[in-house]
Amino acid sequence: MPTNRSTSSSNISRFPGPPSTAGPDGGASRRQLPVPAHALPHRTPRELLTMARHGLEEAAEIRADGMRYATAHLAALRAAAAVLAARAVPAAPGRRSRVTSVWSLLVLVAPELSEWSAFFASTASKRSAAEAGIPRVVTAREADDLMRSAEQFIAVVEVALGYSYQPRLEGLAS
């Protein structure tokens, strides 16, 4: 797990919003990179972040370590997809490119998240094995660590995209 991924204000400030390039007037303008249309999410960033938060809540309820790990990883994938939905634009029509992972695309549209991307990409094969039901592929500690990492990553993405998250208080009717 990367060492500088805390949600402290110093790290969040490194990802305050979309990458920008200086315009001719010296001001910053939003830079969006083309991504194959079939790879773009079909939901809004807000919907994807809501789904990511719900996924974390679901993962917290799961007793089986492998499924808790897989569910937390899926929550992180949804947060990465939210960044793609916010920053990527469809590439010009043409020949369909080969399948590309969300983590590879994330580096293209948000290079400041490359450390997060590398971390979650490295955990993808373990997630697949856990989803396939391979016994003891994930320990309880690994599942708990991935849950914490996914929660930190989602928080960084929420701040970066300008969304705030307020956890529900226990005992209040929804």
Protein backbone atom coordinates (compact mmCIF):
# COMPACT_ATOMS: atom_id res chain seq x y z
CA MET A 1 0.00 0.00 0.00
CA PRO A 2 1.47 3.39 -0.90
CA THR A 3 2.66 5.40 2.04
CA ASN A 4 1.35 8.83 1.08
CA ARG A 5 -2.32 8.00 0.57
CA SER A 6 -3.79 9.44 3.72
CA THR A 7 -6.64 11.85 3.42
CA SER A 8 -4.71 14.61 5.14
CA SER A 9 -5.20 18.07 3.74
CA SER A 10 -1.70 18.07 2.22
CA ASN A 11 -2.46 15.00 0.11
CA ILE A 12 -5.98 16.02 -0.80
CA SER A 13 -4.74 19.40 -1.95
CA ARG A 14 -2.55 17.63 -4.51
CA PHE A 15 -5.77 16.39 -6.15
CA PRO A 16 -8.10 19.38 -5.86
CA GLY A 17 -9.82 18.86 -9.17
CA PRO A 18 -9.33 18.00 -12.78
CA PRO A 19 -5.82 18.21 -14.22
CA SER A 20 -5.31 21.50 -15.96
CA THR A 21 -3.02 23.03 -18.48
CA ALA A 22 -2.10 26.65 -18.72
CA GLY A 23 -4.04 28.47 -21.40
CA PRO A 24 -2.62 31.22 -23.60
CA ASP A 25 -3.70 33.81 -21.05
CA GLY A 26 -1.77 32.00 -18.28
CA GLY A 27 -4.99 30.76 -16.67
CA ALA A 28 -5.78 27.10 -16.17
CA SER A 29 -8.20 25.32 -18.44
CA ARG A 30 -9.71 21.88 -17.88
CA ARG A 31 -7.97 19.05 -19.74
CA GLN A 32 -10.01 16.02 -20.71
CA LEU A 33 -8.40 13.03 -22.37
CA PRO A 34 -10.15 10.88 -24.95
CA VAL A 35 -11.05 7.37 -23.82
CA PRO A 36 -12.71 4.72 -26.00
CA ALA A 37 -16.47 5.25 -25.71
CA HIS A 38 -17.12 1.63 -24.72
CA ALA A 39 -14.83 2.11 -21.71
CA LEU A 40 -16.67 5.14 -20.33
CA PRO A 41 -19.09 4.68 -17.43
CA HIS A 42 -22.79 4.99 -18.18
CA ARG A 43 -23.55 6.63 -14.84
CA THR A 44 -22.83 10.06 -13.41
CA PRO A 45 -19.90 10.62 -11.05
CA ARG A 46 -22.35 11.23 -8.19
CA GLU A 47 -24.15 7.93 -8.86
CA LEU A 48 -20.87 6.05 -9.00
CA LEU A 49 -19.62 7.57 -5.75
CA THR A 50 -22.93 6.73 -4.06
CA MET A 51 -22.59 3.16 -5.30
CA ALA A 52 -19.01 3.08 -4.01
CA ARG A 53 -20.10 4.21 -0.54
CA HIS A 54 -22.92 1.63 -0.51
CA GLY A 55 -20.38 -0.99 -1.54
CA LEU A 56 -18.19 -0.14 1.44
CA GLU A 57 -21.19 -0.42 3.74
CA GLU A 58 -22.05 -3.78 2.21
CA ALA A 59 -18.45 -4.99 2.54
CA ALA A 60 -18.45 -4.08 6.24
CA GLU A 61 -21.38 -6.45 6.76
CA ILE A 62 -19.80 -9.44 4.99
CA ARG A 63 -18.18 -12.06 7.21
CA ALA A 64 -16.35 -14.04 4.53
CA ASP A 65 -12.91 -12.47 4.09
CA GLY A 66 -12.69 -13.11 0.35
CA MET A 67 -16.06 -11.58 -0.43
CA ARG A 68 -15.38 -8.61 1.88
CA TYR A 69 -12.13 -8.04 -0.02
CA ALA A 70 -13.83 -8.34 -3.42
CA THR A 71 -16.69 -6.04 -2.44
CA ALA A 72 -14.30 -3.38 -1.11
CA HIS A 73 -12.27 -3.61 -4.33
CA LEU A 74 -15.44 -3.15 -6.37
CA ALA A 75 -16.23 -0.03 -4.33
CA ALA A 76 -12.80 1.38 -5.25
CA LEU A 77 -13.44 0.50 -8.91
CA ARG A 78 -16.65 2.51 -8.81
CA ALA A 79 -14.81 5.52 -7.38
CA ALA A 80 -12.23 5.24 -10.17
CA ALA A 81 -15.08 5.06 -12.67
CA ALA A 82 -16.46 8.28 -11.17
CA VAL A 83 -13.19 10.02 -12.06
CA LEU A 84 -13.45 8.66 -15.60
CA ALA A 85 -17.05 9.83 -15.86
CA ALA A 86 -16.02 13.32 -14.73
CA ARG A 87 -12.81 13.73 -16.71
CA ALA A 88 -12.76 11.53 -19.78
CA VAL A 89 -14.37 12.31 -23.11
CA PRO A 90 -15.24 9.75 -25.77
CA ALA A 91 -12.47 9.18 -28.29
CA ALA A 92 -13.20 9.78 -31.94
CA PRO A 93 -15.08 6.87 -33.49
CA GLY A 94 -12.84 4.31 -35.04
CA ARG A 95 -11.64 0.81 -34.53
CA ARG A 96 -12.54 -0.48 -31.10
CA SER A 97 -9.45 -0.79 -28.95
CA ARG A 98 -8.60 -3.78 -26.81
CA VAL A 99 -10.04 -4.04 -23.32
CA THR A 100 -8.31 -1.67 -20.93
CA SER A 101 -8.58 -1.78 -17.16
CA VAL A 102 -10.15 1.08 -15.25
CA TRP A 103 -6.85 1.43 -13.39
CA SER A 104 -4.95 1.99 -16.67
CA LEU A 105 -7.49 4.55 -17.83
CA LEU A 106 -7.43 6.30 -14.45
CA VAL A 107 -3.71 7.04 -14.86
CA LEU A 108 -4.44 8.70 -18.21
CA VAL A 109 -7.13 11.06 -16.90
CA ALA A 110 -5.79 11.54 -13.38
CA PRO A 111 -2.02 11.00 -13.30
CA GLU A 112 -1.95 12.28 -9.72
CA LEU A 113 -3.78 9.07 -8.77
CA SER A 114 -1.21 6.77 -10.36
CA GLU A 115 -0.03 5.43 -7.00
CA TRP A 116 -3.59 4.51 -6.04
CA SER A 117 -4.11 3.01 -9.48
CA ALA A 118 -1.01 0.85 -9.20
CA PHE A 119 -2.04 -0.34 -5.75
CA PHE A 120 -5.56 -1.36 -6.76
CA ALA A 121 -4.37 -2.87 -10.06
CA SER A 122 -1.99 -5.06 -8.04
CA THR A 123 -4.90 -6.34 -5.94
CA ALA A 124 -7.17 -7.18 -8.90
CA SER A 125 -6.01 -10.78 -9.35
CA LYS A 126 -6.62 -11.52 -5.68
CA ARG A 127 -10.09 -10.00 -6.04
CA SER A 128 -10.80 -12.29 -9.01
CA ALA A 129 -9.64 -15.33 -7.07
CA ALA A 130 -11.79 -14.35 -4.09
CA GLU A 131 -14.84 -13.85 -6.32
CA ALA A 132 -14.21 -17.27 -7.86
CA GLY A 133 -14.53 -18.77 -4.40
CA ILE A 134 -10.96 -19.98 -4.02
CA PRO A 135 -10.64 -20.71 -0.31
CA ARG A 136 -8.16 -18.86 1.91
CA VAL A 137 -6.90 -16.63 -0.90
CA VAL A 138 -7.45 -13.60 1.35
CA THR A 139 -6.81 -13.26 5.07
CA ALA A 140 -9.01 -11.27 7.42
CA ARG A 141 -6.25 -8.68 7.75
CA GLU A 142 -5.91 -8.30 3.98
CA ALA A 143 -9.66 -7.80 3.67
CA ASP A 144 -9.68 -5.22 6.46
CA ASP A 145 -6.64 -3.42 5.00
CA LEU A 146 -8.24 -3.26 1.55
CA MET A 147 -11.45 -1.92 3.08
CA ARG A 148 -9.50 0.90 4.73
CA SER A 149 -7.60 1.63 1.53
CA ALA A 150 -10.81 1.69 -0.50
CA GLU A 151 -12.40 4.05 2.01
CA GLN A 152 -9.39 6.42 1.83
CA PHE A 153 -9.39 6.30 -1.96
CA ILE A 154 -13.11 7.04 -2.18
CA ALA A 155 -12.65 10.00 0.18
CA VAL A 156 -9.81 11.38 -1.98
CA VAL A 157 -11.95 11.02 -5.11
CA GLU A 158 -14.96 12.67 -3.45
CA VAL A 159 -12.91 15.70 -2.46
CA ALA A 160 -11.22 15.85 -5.85
CA LEU A 161 -14.55 15.84 -7.68
CA GLY A 162 -16.08 18.38 -5.31
CA TYR A 163 -18.46 16.04 -3.51
CA SER A 164 -18.67 15.80 0.22
CA TYR A 165 -19.71 12.76 2.17
CA GLN A 166 -21.55 12.79 5.46
CA PRO A 167 -21.89 9.36 7.08
CA ARG A 168 -25.32 8.43 8.35
CA LEU A 169 -25.75 8.66 12.09
CA GLU A 170 -26.89 5.45 13.71
CA GLY A 171 -30.41 5.44 15.08
CA LEU A 172 -31.82 8.12 12.77
CA ALA A 173 -34.65 7.22 10.41
CA SER A 174 -33.78 7.61 6.76
